[in-house]
Protein backbone atom coordinates (compact mmCIF):
# COMPACT_ATOMS: atom_id res chain seq x y z
CA UNK A 1 5.96 17.48 8.40
CA UNK A 2 2.47 18.32 7.22
CA UNK A 3 1.11 16.50 4.18
CA UNK A 4 -1.71 18.00 2.12
CA UNK A 5 -4.18 15.49 3.46
CA UNK A 6 -5.33 13.34 0.26
CA UNK A 7 -3.60 -8.21 -22.45
CA UNK A 8 -4.82 -14.46 -27.00
CA UNK A 9 -6.11 -17.21 -25.74
CA UNK A 10 -8.61 -18.07 -23.07
CA UNK A 11 -6.27 -20.69 -21.67
CA UNK A 12 -3.65 -18.07 -21.04
CA UNK A 13 -5.90 -16.52 -18.46
CA UNK A 14 -5.83 -19.63 -16.32
CA UNK A 15 -2.89 -17.93 -14.62
CA UNK A 16 -5.34 -15.51 -13.07
CA UNK A 17 -7.53 -18.31 -11.74
CA UNK A 18 -6.94 -18.76 -8.03
CA UNK A 19 -8.13 -22.24 -7.19
CA UNK A 20 -7.20 -21.95 -3.55
CA UNK A 21 -7.36 -18.83 -1.44
CA UNK A 22 -4.92 -18.61 1.44
CA UNK A 23 -5.89 -17.33 4.84
CA UNK A 24 -3.36 -15.13 6.52
CA UNK A 25 -3.64 -15.22 10.26
CA UNK A 26 -0.62 -13.10 11.08
CA UNK A 27 2.29 -11.30 9.57
CA UNK A 28 4.44 -14.35 10.35
CA UNK A 29 2.08 -16.50 8.27
CA UNK A 30 3.17 -14.58 5.20
CA UNK A 31 6.89 -14.91 5.86
CA UNK A 32 7.47 -17.17 2.86
CA UNK A 33 6.33 -14.32 0.63
CA UNK A 34 8.55 -11.72 2.24
CA UNK A 35 8.21 -9.43 5.20
CA UNK A 36 5.56 -6.77 5.25
CA UNK A 37 6.44 -3.13 4.93
CA UNK A 38 5.51 -2.88 8.59
CA UNK A 39 8.39 -5.20 9.53
CA UNK A 40 10.66 -3.72 6.89
CA UNK A 41 10.03 -0.23 8.16
CA UNK A 42 11.20 -1.16 11.64
CA UNK A 43 14.49 -2.60 10.38
CA UNK A 44 15.73 0.02 7.95
CA UNK A 45 16.26 3.78 7.98
CA UNK A 46 13.91 6.07 6.13
CA UNK A 47 15.60 6.35 2.76
CA UNK A 48 12.51 7.83 1.10
CA UNK A 49 12.44 11.09 2.99
CA UNK A 50 11.67 13.98 0.67
CA UNK A 51 10.73 17.59 0.92
CA UNK A 52 7.91 17.92 -1.62
CA UNK A 53 4.58 18.14 0.23
CA UNK A 54 2.36 17.10 -2.67
CA UNK A 55 0.36 14.17 -1.34
CA UNK A 56 -3.37 14.49 -1.07
CA UNK A 57 -5.20 11.98 1.10
CA UNK A 58 -8.60 11.07 -0.30
CA UNK A 59 -11.35 11.38 2.25
CA UNK A 60 -12.85 7.91 2.56
CA UNK A 61 -16.42 7.21 1.51
CA UNK A 62 -18.01 3.85 0.59
CA UNK A 63 -16.73 2.52 -2.73
CA UNK A 64 -14.41 4.48 -4.98
CA UNK A 65 -15.70 7.91 -4.19
CA UNK A 66 -14.06 10.67 -2.24
CA UNK A 67 -15.14 13.99 -0.79
CA UNK A 68 -12.32 16.15 -2.15
CA UNK A 69 -11.03 14.05 -5.06
CA UNK A 70 -13.16 11.50 -6.89
CA UNK A 71 -11.46 8.73 -8.90
CA UNK A 72 -13.15 8.91 -12.31
CA UNK A 73 -14.90 5.90 -13.82
CA UNK A 74 -12.38 5.89 -16.66
CA UNK A 75 -9.35 5.75 -14.39
CA UNK A 76 -6.92 2.92 -15.17
CA UNK A 77 -6.23 0.47 -12.40
CA UNK A 78 -3.40 -1.87 -11.47
CA UNK A 79 -5.67 -4.88 -10.87
CA UNK A 80 -8.94 -5.57 -12.70
CA UNK A 81 -11.89 -4.82 -10.49
CA UNK A 82 -12.69 -8.56 -10.31
CA UNK A 83 -9.38 -9.05 -8.48
CA UNK A 84 -9.14 -6.11 -6.12
CA UNK A 85 -10.56 -7.69 -2.94
CA UNK A 86 -8.01 -8.89 -0.44
CA UNK A 87 -7.79 -12.53 0.57
CA UNK A 88 -9.05 -13.10 4.12
CA UNK A 89 -6.85 -11.71 6.85
CA UNK A 90 -4.25 -10.40 4.41
CA UNK A 91 -4.37 -6.74 5.42
CA UNK A 92 -2.73 -5.01 8.31
CA UNK A 93 -5.07 -2.85 10.39
CA UNK A 94 -5.75 0.76 9.54
CA UNK A 95 -4.01 1.99 12.64
CA UNK A 96 -0.60 0.76 11.38
CA UNK A 97 0.60 4.32 11.15
CA UNK A 98 4.21 3.43 10.36
CA UNK A 99 3.06 1.84 7.08
CA UNK A 100 1.10 4.94 6.18
CA UNK A 101 4.13 7.10 6.86
CA UNK A 102 6.26 4.92 4.58
CA UNK A 103 3.64 5.12 1.82
CA UNK A 104 3.60 8.90 2.06
CA UNK A 105 7.38 9.01 1.94
CA UNK A 106 7.39 6.74 -1.12
CA UNK A 107 4.99 9.04 -2.94
CA UNK A 108 7.16 12.02 -2.05
CA UNK A 109 10.25 10.17 -3.27
CA UNK A 110 8.69 9.48 -6.71
CA UNK A 111 7.43 13.05 -6.81
CA UNK A 112 11.02 14.23 -7.04
CA UNK A 113 11.41 12.36 -10.35
CA UNK A 114 7.87 12.83 -11.72
CA UNK A 115 6.81 16.17 -10.29
CA UNK A 116 3.89 16.95 -12.63
CA UNK A 117 1.72 14.26 -11.04
CA UNK A 118 -0.63 14.70 -8.10
CA UNK A 119 -0.27 11.73 -5.75
CA UNK A 120 -3.22 10.58 -3.65
CA UNK A 121 -3.38 8.13 -0.75
CA UNK A 122 -6.73 6.72 0.44
CA UNK A 123 -5.58 4.84 3.51
CA UNK A 124 -9.05 3.79 4.68
CA UNK A 125 -10.22 2.12 1.45
CA UNK A 126 -9.65 -1.67 1.70
CA UNK A 127 -9.65 -2.04 -2.10
CA UNK A 128 -6.40 -3.66 -3.28
CA UNK A 129 -5.65 -1.33 -6.14
CA UNK A 130 -4.02 1.79 -7.51
CA UNK A 131 -5.25 4.19 -10.20
CA UNK A 132 -4.11 6.65 -12.83
CA UNK A 133 -6.18 9.30 -14.61
CA UNK A 134 -6.08 12.78 -16.09
CA UNK A 135 -8.25 15.78 -15.46
CA UNK A 136 -7.61 18.06 -18.39
CA UNK A 137 -3.83 18.18 -18.56
CA UNK A 138 -3.31 17.34 -14.90
CA UNK A 139 -1.99 13.83 -14.17
CA UNK A 140 -3.13 11.90 -11.09
CA UNK A 141 -2.21 8.62 -9.41
CA UNK A 142 -3.83 7.11 -6.32
CA UNK A 143 -2.80 4.32 -3.98
CA UNK A 144 -5.57 2.69 -1.93
CA UNK A 145 -5.27 1.29 1.56
CA UNK A 146 -5.89 -2.34 0.64
CA UNK A 147 -2.78 -2.25 -1.48
CA UNK A 148 -0.67 -0.30 0.98
CA UNK A 149 -1.63 -2.47 3.95
CA UNK A 150 -1.38 -5.84 2.16
CA UNK A 151 0.93 -8.33 3.87
CA UNK A 152 2.31 -9.62 0.54
CA UNK A 153 3.98 -6.29 -0.22
CA UNK A 154 7.02 -4.53 1.06
CA UNK A 155 7.89 -1.03 0.03
CA UNK A 156 9.62 -2.35 -3.12
CA UNK A 157 6.41 -3.97 -4.39
CA UNK A 158 4.38 -0.85 -3.72
CA UNK A 159 7.00 1.15 -5.60
CA UNK A 160 6.57 -1.12 -8.63
CA UNK A 161 2.81 -0.61 -8.51
CA UNK A 162 3.30 3.14 -8.33
CA UNK A 163 5.74 2.99 -11.26
CA UNK A 164 3.09 1.08 -13.27
CA UNK A 165 0.55 3.81 -12.59
CA UNK A 166 3.03 6.46 -13.66
CA UNK A 167 3.52 4.36 -16.80
CA UNK A 168 -0.07 5.08 -17.79
CA UNK A 169 1.01 8.71 -18.08
CA UNK A 170 4.48 8.34 -19.57
CA UNK A 171 4.86 4.94 -21.32
CA UNK A 172 3.44 6.05 -24.67
CA UNK A 173 1.90 3.83 -27.31
CA UNK A 174 -0.01 1.60 -27.39
CA UNK A 175 -2.68 3.51 -25.53
CA UNK A 176 -6.31 3.34 -24.53
CA UNK A 177 -8.66 5.56 -26.50
CA UNK A 178 -8.28 8.29 -23.89
CA UNK A 179 -4.52 8.47 -24.33
CA UNK A 180 -3.30 6.62 -21.23
CA UNK A 181 -0.88 3.78 -21.95
CA UNK A 182 -2.19 0.20 -22.06
CA UNK A 183 -1.61 -2.14 -19.14
CA UNK A 184 1.18 -4.27 -20.62
CA UNK A 185 2.96 -1.14 -21.82
CA UNK A 186 2.66 0.42 -18.39
CA UNK A 187 4.02 -2.74 -16.77
CA UNK A 188 7.01 -2.70 -19.12
CA UNK A 189 7.75 1.01 -18.69
CA UNK A 190 7.18 0.89 -14.96
CA UNK A 191 9.75 -1.86 -14.41
CA UNK A 192 12.17 -0.75 -17.11
CA UNK A 193 12.09 3.04 -16.87
CA UNK A 194 10.14 4.20 -13.85
CA UNK A 195 11.92 1.98 -11.35
CA UNK A 196 15.33 2.48 -13.02
CA UNK A 197 14.91 6.24 -12.80
CA UNK A 198 13.93 6.21 -9.15
CA UNK A 199 16.44 3.56 -8.03
CA UNK A 200 19.43 4.08 -10.32
CA UNK A 201 21.99 3.01 -7.73
CA UNK A 202 20.03 0.01 -6.42
CA UNK A 203 17.87 -0.91 -9.40
CA UNK A 204 18.13 -4.70 -9.39
CA UNK A 205 18.26 -4.92 -5.63
CA UNK A 206 14.95 -3.08 -5.48
CA UNK A 207 13.15 -4.41 -8.56
CA UNK A 208 13.92 -8.13 -8.12
CA UNK A 209 12.07 -8.49 -4.78
CA UNK A 210 9.38 -6.09 -6.00
CA UNK A 211 8.54 -8.42 -8.90
CA UNK A 212 8.16 -11.42 -6.60
CA UNK A 213 6.09 -9.49 -4.08
CA UNK A 214 3.67 -8.28 -6.76
CA UNK A 215 3.49 -11.77 -8.30
CA UNK A 216 2.57 -13.16 -4.89
CA UNK A 217 -0.17 -10.55 -4.66
CA UNK A 218 -1.53 -11.66 -8.06
CA UNK A 219 -1.48 -15.37 -7.22
CA UNK A 220 -2.30 -15.58 -3.53
CA UNK A 221 -3.21 -12.21 -2.10
CA UNK A 222 -6.53 -11.39 -3.80
CA UNK A 223 -9.84 -13.09 -4.47
CA UNK A 224 -10.53 -13.68 -8.17
CA UNK A 225 -14.23 -13.20 -8.90
CA UNK A 226 -13.97 -13.72 -12.68
CA UNK A 227 -13.70 -16.87 -14.78
CA UNK A 228 -10.89 -17.55 -17.22
CA UNK A 229 -13.37 -17.09 -20.09
CA UNK A 230 -14.55 -13.74 -18.78
CA UNK A 231 -10.99 -12.48 -18.41
CA UNK A 232 -10.12 -13.60 -21.96
CA UNK A 233 -13.21 -11.91 -23.39
CA UNK A 234 -12.44 -8.62 -21.69
CA UNK A 235 -8.87 -8.78 -22.94
CA UNK A 236 -10.01 -9.44 -26.49
CA UNK A 237 -12.66 -6.71 -26.30
CA UNK A 238 -9.93 -4.28 -25.30
CA UNK A 239 -7.88 -5.38 -28.34
CA UNK A 240 -5.07 -6.44 -26.04
CA UNK A 241 -4.90 -3.24 -24.04
CA UNK A 242 -6.25 -4.47 -20.70
CA UNK A 243 -4.60 -6.52 -17.98
CA UNK A 244 -2.49 -9.50 -19.13
CA UNK A 245 -2.47 -12.70 -17.04
CA UNK A 246 -0.35 -12.77 -13.93
CA UNK A 247 2.45 -14.96 -15.32
CA UNK A 248 2.73 -12.65 -18.32
CA UNK A 249 2.97 -9.59 -16.12
CA UNK A 250 5.85 -11.16 -14.20
CA UNK A 251 7.51 -12.08 -17.52
CA UNK A 252 7.10 -8.46 -18.61
CA UNK A 253 8.73 -7.09 -15.47
CA UNK A 254 11.67 -9.48 -15.85
CA UNK A 255 12.10 -8.63 -19.54
CA UNK A 256 12.16 -4.94 -18.71
CA UNK A 257 14.74 -5.46 -16.00
CA UNK A 258 16.98 -7.37 -18.43
CA UNK A 259 16.51 -4.86 -21.24
CA UNK A 260 14.65 -7.36 -23.41
CA UNK A 261 11.66 -6.56 -25.67
CA UNK A 262 8.19 -6.50 -24.20
CA UNK A 263 6.71 -10.04 -24.37
CA UNK A 264 4.02 -10.67 -26.99
CA UNK A 265 1.63 -11.85 -24.24
CA UNK A 266 1.64 -8.33 -22.81
CA UNK A 267 -0.62 -7.07 -25.56
CA UNK A 268 -0.33 -4.66 -28.44
CA UNK A 269 3.13 -4.06 -29.79
CA UNK A 270 4.30 -0.69 -31.01
CA UNK A 271 5.08 -0.91 -34.75
């Protein structure tokens, strides 16, 4: 198949503060956090096969740029840019083609449920992140290679990240000034609506491990370059719209799965 090749207190933010950074020397070294999507892909059939060729790979250039599609400065991201560098030895190599194939299939699978989005994969970018933005009325999401190749994540965790990015487009108020939904709102919608829509027959079986995989990524899989005070200030400056602390994000995912209200720590509440 051919793919078109392309939120309040400062203390609360102590959950983001990684005091020790693990070193992953092999995929086995990450076994306590769950198998990688590389291992998972070899053990299970390809349940994400689709027939909607709407993935655009972003041609890699240094930083966030791209030759054909450029991620705008105002794009919303899954991790703050002070947390999007992988911990040492936590990425699989770029030639792990089976992981790339699974990522492309996952994007195609979500495309069947959210077809008015253009999905991008930048396999060569080691940044551990994903993005959402609009160009006019056209919605975009992008998954970067550092996220897709991270040993903390299986396909379920990547699906939850993708659902969060779709949440920026569909989760509604509260929103950033540009109209995209705030981070806590996107977390809540992604886990409660996006994942439930895509995995209606295996919702809990898919979301439960996804939450723990993403939480492991927050706590152990990335290098935190920002202090607790800096994180709190940015959150307050955004009026509670930017990224909540890691423990709050996990609480938000769990609340969504159980049909409970969005936690207050997740930021602005819709009146």
